[in-house]
Amino acid sequence: MRKLVIALAAASVLALPAHAQRRGADQGPTAEEISKKRDAADLDQKYKAAIKQTQDAQNAKKDPWANMRGPSDGK
């Protein structure tokens, strides 16, 4: 009888973490989680726009020495 009680106690202790994880999965996302995801998506969108703007500026870059060169002699 003593072994049975100890075995049941050990099994219940080992099952608690799995039960705790499953309990949270039944509920939907909280308002805080939704807000965090929305903020992360907004931040990601702003980051991508800034990177695209930087790349566009680098691609449209003109010759930095254009004002330092003299007129072309046609040689």
Protein backbone atom coordinates (compact mmCIF):
# COMPACT_ATOMS: atom_id res chain seq x y z
CA MET A 1 0.00 0.00 0.00
CA ARG A 2 2.84 2.36 0.88
CA LYS A 3 4.51 1.73 -2.51
CA LEU A 4 1.26 2.44 -4.31
CA VAL A 5 0.83 5.80 -2.56
CA ILE A 6 4.43 6.77 -3.29
CA ALA A 7 4.03 5.76 -6.96
CA LEU A 8 0.82 7.78 -7.31
CA ALA A 9 2.44 10.81 -5.67
CA ALA A 10 5.47 10.56 -7.98
CA ALA A 11 3.25 10.24 -11.05
CA SER A 12 1.18 13.27 -10.06
CA VAL A 13 4.30 15.36 -9.43
CA LEU A 14 5.67 14.42 -12.84
CA ALA A 15 2.36 15.18 -14.56
CA LEU A 16 1.98 18.69 -13.14
CA PRO A 17 4.23 20.53 -15.65
CA ALA A 18 2.45 18.95 -18.62
CA HIS A 19 -0.92 19.80 -17.12
CA ALA A 20 0.14 23.41 -16.53
CA GLN A 21 1.29 23.81 -20.14
CA ARG A 22 -1.93 22.36 -21.51
CA ARG A 23 -4.12 24.57 -19.35
CA GLY A 24 -2.71 27.73 -20.95
CA ALA A 25 -3.17 26.35 -24.47
CA ASP A 26 -6.94 26.13 -24.13
CA GLN A 27 -7.35 29.88 -23.89
CA GLY A 28 -6.88 32.30 -26.76
CA PRO A 29 -4.18 34.96 -26.87
CA THR A 30 -4.47 37.72 -24.30
CA ALA A 31 -4.89 41.38 -25.19
CA GLU A 32 -1.29 41.99 -24.16
CA GLU A 33 0.00 39.29 -26.53
CA ILE A 34 -2.09 40.69 -29.38
CA SER A 35 -0.74 44.18 -28.68
CA LYS A 36 2.84 42.92 -28.63
CA LYS A 37 2.37 41.11 -31.95
CA ARG A 38 0.80 44.21 -33.50
CA ASP A 39 3.65 46.42 -32.25
CA ALA A 40 6.24 43.95 -33.53
CA ALA A 41 4.58 43.84 -36.95
CA ASP A 42 4.43 47.65 -37.08
CA LEU A 43 8.09 47.93 -36.09
CA ASP A 44 9.06 45.34 -38.70
CA GLN A 45 7.14 47.25 -41.38
CA LYS A 46 8.89 50.51 -40.44
CA TYR A 47 12.27 48.76 -40.48
CA LYS A 48 11.67 47.34 -43.96
CA ALA A 49 10.55 50.75 -45.24
CA ALA A 50 13.69 52.39 -43.83
CA ILE A 51 15.93 49.74 -45.40
CA LYS A 52 14.20 50.16 -48.77
CA GLN A 53 14.55 53.93 -48.58
CA THR A 54 18.25 53.61 -47.76
CA GLN A 55 18.81 51.19 -50.64
CA ASP A 56 16.95 53.49 -53.04
CA ALA A 57 19.11 56.42 -51.93
CA GLN A 58 22.29 54.40 -52.45
CA ASN A 59 21.22 53.25 -55.90
CA ALA A 60 20.37 56.79 -57.01
CA LYS A 61 23.67 58.16 -55.72
CA LYS A 62 25.40 60.48 -58.14
CA ASP A 63 29.07 60.85 -58.82
CA PRO A 64 30.60 62.55 -55.75
CA TRP A 65 33.43 64.04 -57.87
CA ALA A 66 31.16 65.53 -60.52
CA ASN A 67 31.78 69.13 -59.34
CA MET A 68 35.55 68.64 -59.03
CA ARG A 69 36.21 67.57 -62.60
CA GLY A 70 36.73 70.05 -65.36
CA PRO A 71 34.73 70.11 -68.54
CA SER A 72 35.28 67.22 -70.88
CA ASP A 73 37.78 68.01 -73.64
CA GLY A 74 36.37 65.33 -75.90
CA LYS A 75 39.59 63.32 -75.85
